[in-house]
Amino acid sequence: MGLSNAELDDFARSMARAEGRDSQEVTEENLVVSSTEAHWVQTGSPSQIGLLLRIPARAFEFFLQKIPAGEASDLHRHVHESVHFVLHGSGRSEIGDQGVQWNTGDFVYTPPWVWHRHYADDGLDVEMIVIENSRLLAALDATQRETLGNITFAQAFGSRGTRSADR
């Protein structure tokens, strides 16, 4: 079955729109955003999130996160993916039914719509960069977040608990 004239015309229009993409004129402001510009907000836990809203990314959101030594984030989930890069400290995370350990220099991946919580080890505060594809989903009006507060995965879901995963 061949393509209709309307389908071919749609394709030709989409190709014509791409022609202007070779311009090297950059119109976005804030190509460099200092971490000192973060606006810190307290979450529903001892964890803090540093908002970096001036970064002009259209698909990704970038945050800083601090978790005091011996403390944890709330148990929450969201429809976007997230990756935490550990700048400083060590700890563990409950990600669904898995428990994982992490250290400075590690990347921690959280799949969409999976309950998770991050814990800082005793002794050192944890600092992380958080990268999410939440802006892309917001553009599609497809964002959602939920929290269960400062409880563990086992407290929320009973005997399913977490299973430990070696690094």
C-alpha atoms as a PDB file:
ATOM      1  CA  MET A   1       0.000   0.000   0.000  1.00  0.00           C
ATOM      2  CA  GLY A   2       1.500   3.317  -1.065  1.00  0.00           C
ATOM      3  CA  LEU A   3       1.439   6.640   0.743  1.00  0.00           C
ATOM      4  CA  SER A   4      -1.354   9.061  -0.016  1.00  0.00           C
ATOM      5  CA  ASN A   5      -0.665  12.522  -1.432  1.00  0.00           C
ATOM      6  CA  ALA A   6      -1.667  14.014   1.945  1.00  0.00           C
ATOM      7  CA  GLU A   7       0.902  11.815   3.758  1.00  0.00           C
ATOM      8  CA  LEU A   8       3.608  12.779   1.271  1.00  0.00           C
ATOM      9  CA  ASP A   9       2.692  16.463   1.656  1.00  0.00           C
ATOM     10  CA  ASP A  10       2.897  16.160   5.477  1.00  0.00           C
ATOM     11  CA  PHE A  11       6.345  14.597   5.123  1.00  0.00           C
ATOM     12  CA  ALA A  12       7.494  17.378   2.771  1.00  0.00           C
ATOM     13  CA  ARG A  13       6.267  20.040   5.235  1.00  0.00           C
ATOM     14  CA  SER A  14       8.127  18.357   8.110  1.00  0.00           C
ATOM     15  CA  MET A  15      11.337  18.340   6.046  1.00  0.00           C
ATOM     16  CA  ALA A  16      10.885  22.035   5.201  1.00  0.00           C
ATOM     17  CA  ARG A  17      10.607  22.868   8.922  1.00  0.00           C
ATOM     18  CA  ALA A  18      13.959  21.166   9.513  1.00  0.00           C
ATOM     19  CA  GLU A  19      15.777  23.437   7.041  1.00  0.00           C
ATOM     20  CA  GLY A  20      15.966  26.329   9.520  1.00  0.00           C
ATOM     21  CA  ARG A  21      17.593  24.150  12.182  1.00  0.00           C
ATOM     22  CA  ASP A  22      21.074  24.699  10.813  1.00  0.00           C
ATOM     23  CA  SER A  23      21.193  28.217  12.232  1.00  0.00           C
ATOM     24  CA  GLN A  24      23.899  28.667  14.833  1.00  0.00           C
ATOM     25  CA  GLU A  25      22.192  31.674  16.406  1.00  0.00           C
ATOM     26  CA  VAL A  26      21.675  30.860  20.065  1.00  0.00           C
ATOM     27  CA  THR A  27      18.748  32.718  21.582  1.00  0.00           C
ATOM     28  CA  GLU A  28      18.567  30.970  24.957  1.00  0.00           C
ATOM     29  CA  GLU A  29      19.727  32.901  27.985  1.00  0.00           C
ATOM     30  CA  ASN A  30      21.458  31.315  30.980  1.00  0.00           C
ATOM     31  CA  LEU A  31      23.794  28.986  29.099  1.00  0.00           C
ATOM     32  CA  VAL A  32      25.795  28.884  32.321  1.00  0.00           C
ATOM     33  CA  VAL A  33      23.976  28.574  35.628  1.00  0.00           C
ATOM     34  CA  SER A  34      26.012  28.484  38.826  1.00  0.00           C
ATOM     35  CA  SER A  35      25.090  26.025  41.550  1.00  0.00           C
ATOM     36  CA  THR A  36      25.161  29.034  43.880  1.00  0.00           C
ATOM     37  CA  GLU A  37      21.964  30.186  42.117  1.00  0.00           C
ATOM     38  CA  ALA A  38      20.036  27.167  43.397  1.00  0.00           C
ATOM     39  CA  HIS A  39      16.862  28.046  45.275  1.00  0.00           C
ATOM     40  CA  TRP A  40      16.753  25.590  48.183  1.00  0.00           C
ATOM     41  CA  VAL A  41      13.419  24.166  49.312  1.00  0.00           C
ATOM     42  CA  GLN A  42      12.736  21.828  52.197  1.00  0.00           C
ATOM     43  CA  THR A  43      10.917  18.679  51.142  1.00  0.00           C
ATOM     44  CA  GLY A  44       8.630  16.627  53.374  1.00  0.00           C
ATOM     45  CA  SER A  45      11.751  15.090  54.912  1.00  0.00           C
ATOM     46  CA  PRO A  46      15.171  16.239  56.141  1.00  0.00           C
ATOM     47  CA  SER A  47      16.212  16.217  52.458  1.00  0.00           C
ATOM     48  CA  GLN A  48      16.514  19.525  50.582  1.00  0.00           C
ATOM     49  CA  ILE A  49      16.158  20.174  46.848  1.00  0.00           C
ATOM     50  CA  GLY A  50      18.036  22.974  45.090  1.00  0.00           C
ATOM     51  CA  LEU A  51      15.966  24.266  42.172  1.00  0.00           C
ATOM     52  CA  LEU A  52      17.965  25.243  39.077  1.00  0.00           C
ATOM     53  CA  LEU A  53      15.057  26.631  37.090  1.00  0.00           C
ATOM     54  CA  ARG A  54      17.092  28.965  34.857  1.00  0.00           C
ATOM     55  CA  ILE A  55      18.734  26.150  32.899  1.00  0.00           C
ATOM     56  CA  PRO A  56      17.059  26.458  29.464  1.00  0.00           C
ATOM     57  CA  ALA A  57      16.695  22.711  28.841  1.00  0.00           C
ATOM     58  CA  ARG A  58      13.380  21.741  27.275  1.00  0.00           C
ATOM     59  CA  ALA A  59      13.324  18.005  28.027  1.00  0.00           C
ATOM     60  CA  PHE A  60      15.348  17.643  31.242  1.00  0.00           C
ATOM     61  CA  GLU A  61      15.172  19.146  34.709  1.00  0.00           C
ATOM     62  CA  PHE A  62      18.266  19.540  36.893  1.00  0.00           C
ATOM     63  CA  PHE A  63      18.250  19.783  40.689  1.00  0.00           C
ATOM     64  CA  LEU A  64      20.686  19.586  43.539  1.00  0.00           C
ATOM     65  CA  GLN A  65      19.783  17.396  46.501  1.00  0.00           C
ATOM     66  CA  LYS A  66      21.202  17.362  50.009  1.00  0.00           C
ATOM     67  CA  ILE A  67      20.489  14.646  52.549  1.00  0.00           C
ATOM     68  CA  PRO A  68      21.946  15.163  56.045  1.00  0.00           C
ATOM     69  CA  ALA A  69      24.111  12.352  57.444  1.00  0.00           C
ATOM     70  CA  GLY A  70      21.968   9.553  58.866  1.00  0.00           C
ATOM     71  CA  GLU A  71      18.759  10.954  57.318  1.00  0.00           C
ATOM     72  CA  ALA A  72      16.659  10.099  54.250  1.00  0.00           C
ATOM     73  CA  SER A  73      14.352  11.511  51.607  1.00  0.00           C
ATOM     74  CA  ASP A  74      10.650  10.714  51.719  1.00  0.00           C
ATOM     75  CA  LEU A  75       9.263   7.586  50.059  1.00  0.00           C
ATOM     76  CA  HIS A  76       7.904   8.856  46.746  1.00  0.00           C
ATOM     77  CA  ARG A  77       7.327   8.072  43.090  1.00  0.00           C
ATOM     78  CA  HIS A  78       6.895  10.000  39.848  1.00  0.00           C
ATOM     79  CA  VAL A  79       6.130   9.208  36.230  1.00  0.00           C
ATOM     80  CA  HIS A  80       9.462  10.525  34.946  1.00  0.00           C
ATOM     81  CA  GLU A  81      12.828   8.794  35.042  1.00  0.00           C
ATOM     82  CA  SER A  82      15.533  10.202  37.265  1.00  0.00           C
ATOM     83  CA  VAL A  83      19.268   9.795  37.641  1.00  0.00           C
ATOM     84  CA  HIS A  84      21.104  10.940  40.773  1.00  0.00           C
ATOM     85  CA  PHE A  85      24.838  11.605  40.443  1.00  0.00           C
ATOM     86  CA  VAL A  86      26.485  11.380  43.862  1.00  0.00           C
ATOM     87  CA  LEU A  87      28.846  14.336  44.280  1.00  0.00           C
ATOM     88  CA  HIS A  88      29.689  13.703  47.917  1.00  0.00           C
ATOM     89  CA  GLY A  89      28.920  11.037  50.504  1.00  0.00           C
ATOM     90  CA  SER A  90      27.566   7.524  50.452  1.00  0.00           C
ATOM     91  CA  GLY A  91      24.324   5.782  51.237  1.00  0.00           C
ATOM     92  CA  ARG A  92      21.684   3.434  50.020  1.00  0.00           C
ATOM     93  CA  SER A  93      18.376   3.558  48.215  1.00  0.00           C
ATOM     94  CA  GLU A  94      15.181   1.568  48.276  1.00  0.00           C
ATOM     95  CA  ILE A  95      14.014   1.431  44.659  1.00  0.00           C
ATOM     96  CA  GLY A  96      10.888  -0.696  44.445  1.00  0.00           C
ATOM     97  CA  ASP A  97      11.695  -4.083  45.918  1.00  0.00           C
ATOM     98  CA  GLN A  98      15.460  -3.595  45.588  1.00  0.00           C
ATOM     99  CA  GLY A  99      18.014  -2.144  47.962  1.00  0.00           C
ATOM    100  CA  VAL A 100      21.168  -0.638  46.431  1.00  0.00           C
ATOM    101  CA  GLN A 101      24.331   0.911  47.906  1.00  0.00           C
ATOM    102  CA  TRP A 102      26.087   3.895  46.337  1.00  0.00           C
ATOM    103  CA  ASN A 103      29.141   6.123  46.864  1.00  0.00           C
ATOM    104  CA  THR A 104      30.679   9.337  45.563  1.00  0.00           C
ATOM    105  CA  GLY A 105      30.915   9.194  41.761  1.00  0.00           C
ATOM    106  CA  ASP A 106      28.035   6.742  41.302  1.00  0.00           C
ATOM    107  CA  PHE A 107      24.896   7.247  39.222  1.00  0.00           C
ATOM    108  CA  VAL A 108      21.624   5.988  40.740  1.00  0.00           C
ATOM    109  CA  TYR A 109      18.792   5.307  38.277  1.00  0.00           C
ATOM    110  CA  THR A 110      15.116   5.361  39.285  1.00  0.00           C
ATOM    111  CA  PRO A 111      12.570   3.961  36.804  1.00  0.00           C
ATOM    112  CA  PRO A 112       9.224   5.693  36.242  1.00  0.00           C
ATOM    113  CA  TRP A 113       6.411   5.233  38.791  1.00  0.00           C
ATOM    114  CA  VAL A 114       8.453   3.101  41.206  1.00  0.00           C
ATOM    115  CA  TRP A 115       8.392   3.963  44.921  1.00  0.00           C
ATOM    116  CA  HIS A 116      11.869   4.963  46.105  1.00  0.00           C
ATOM    117  CA  ARG A 117      13.744   6.548  48.989  1.00  0.00           C
ATOM    118  CA  HIS A 118      17.397   7.603  49.379  1.00  0.00           C
ATOM    119  CA  TYR A 119      19.349   7.331  52.653  1.00  0.00           C
ATOM    120  CA  ALA A 120      22.601   9.052  53.628  1.00  0.00           C
ATOM    121  CA  ASP A 121      25.068   6.999  55.660  1.00  0.00           C
ATOM    122  CA  ASP A 122      26.004   8.247  59.110  1.00  0.00           C
ATOM    123  CA  GLY A 123      28.999  10.538  59.211  1.00  0.00           C
ATOM    124  CA  LEU A 124      28.768  12.494  55.935  1.00  0.00           C
ATOM    125  CA  ASP A 125      26.078  14.621  54.368  1.00  0.00           C
ATOM    126  CA  VAL A 126      25.150  13.511  50.849  1.00  0.00           C
ATOM    127  CA  GLU A 127      25.112  15.919  47.919  1.00  0.00           C
ATOM    128  CA  MET A 128      23.735  14.835  44.544  1.00  0.00           C
ATOM    129  CA  ILE A 129      22.860  16.232  41.137  1.00  0.00           C
ATOM    130  CA  VAL A 130      19.424  15.025  40.025  1.00  0.00           C
ATOM    131  CA  ILE A 131      18.592  14.783  36.318  1.00  0.00           C
ATOM    132  CA  GLU A 132      14.983  14.059  35.319  1.00  0.00           C
ATOM    133  CA  ASN A 133      13.074  13.956  32.050  1.00  0.00           C
ATOM    134  CA  SER A 134      10.228  15.758  33.819  1.00  0.00           C
ATOM    135  CA  ARG A 135      10.233  18.828  31.525  1.00  0.00           C
ATOM    136  CA  LEU A 136       9.560  16.631  28.519  1.00  0.00           C
ATOM    137  CA  LEU A 137       6.627  14.988  30.285  1.00  0.00           C
ATOM    138  CA  ALA A 138       5.374  18.380  31.504  1.00  0.00           C
ATOM    139  CA  ALA A 139       5.257  19.556  27.891  1.00  0.00           C
ATOM    140  CA  LEU A 140       2.962  16.595  27.229  1.00  0.00           C
ATOM    141  CA  ASP A 141       0.928  17.329  30.405  1.00  0.00           C
ATOM    142  CA  ALA A 142       1.939  13.915  31.713  1.00  0.00           C
ATOM    143  CA  THR A 143       3.586  14.647  35.069  1.00  0.00           C
ATOM    144  CA  GLN A 144       2.581  13.221  38.415  1.00  0.00           C
ATOM    145  CA  ARG A 145       4.317  12.810  41.770  1.00  0.00           C
ATOM    146  CA  GLU A 146       3.170  11.116  44.972  1.00  0.00           C
ATOM    147  CA  THR A 147       4.712  10.804  48.418  1.00  0.00           C
ATOM    148  CA  LEU A 148       4.066   8.448  51.307  1.00  0.00           C
ATOM    149  CA  GLY A 149       6.192  10.532  53.677  1.00  0.00           C
ATOM    150  CA  ASN A 150       9.063   9.455  55.878  1.00  0.00           C
ATOM    151  CA  ILE A 151       8.474   5.710  55.927  1.00  0.00           C
ATOM    152  CA  THR A 152      10.446   2.814  54.478  1.00  0.00           C
ATOM    153  CA  PHE A 153       9.382   0.676  51.562  1.00  0.00           C
ATOM    154  CA  ALA A 154       8.828  -2.245  53.976  1.00  0.00           C
ATOM    155  CA  GLN A 155       6.590  -0.103  56.216  1.00  0.00           C
ATOM    156  CA  ALA A 156       4.521   0.961  53.207  1.00  0.00           C
ATOM    157  CA  PHE A 157       4.247  -2.405  51.503  1.00  0.00           C
ATOM    158  CA  GLY A 158       4.718  -4.939  54.306  1.00  0.00           C
ATOM    159  CA  SER A 159       6.316  -8.286  53.706  1.00  0.00           C
ATOM    160  CA  ARG A 160       7.377  -7.421  50.142  1.00  0.00           C
ATOM    161  CA  GLY A 161      10.209  -5.465  51.784  1.00  0.00           C
ATOM    162  CA  THR A 162      13.430  -4.777  49.934  1.00  0.00           C
ATOM    163  CA  ARG A 163      15.926  -7.237  48.633  1.00  0.00           C
ATOM    164  CA  SER A 164      19.554  -6.266  48.748  1.00  0.00           C
ATOM    165  CA  ALA A 165      21.498  -5.907  45.521  1.00  0.00           C
ATOM    166  CA  ASP A 166      25.271  -6.015  45.435  1.00  0.00           C
ATOM    167  CA  ARG A 167      26.980  -3.176  43.607  1.00  0.00           C
END
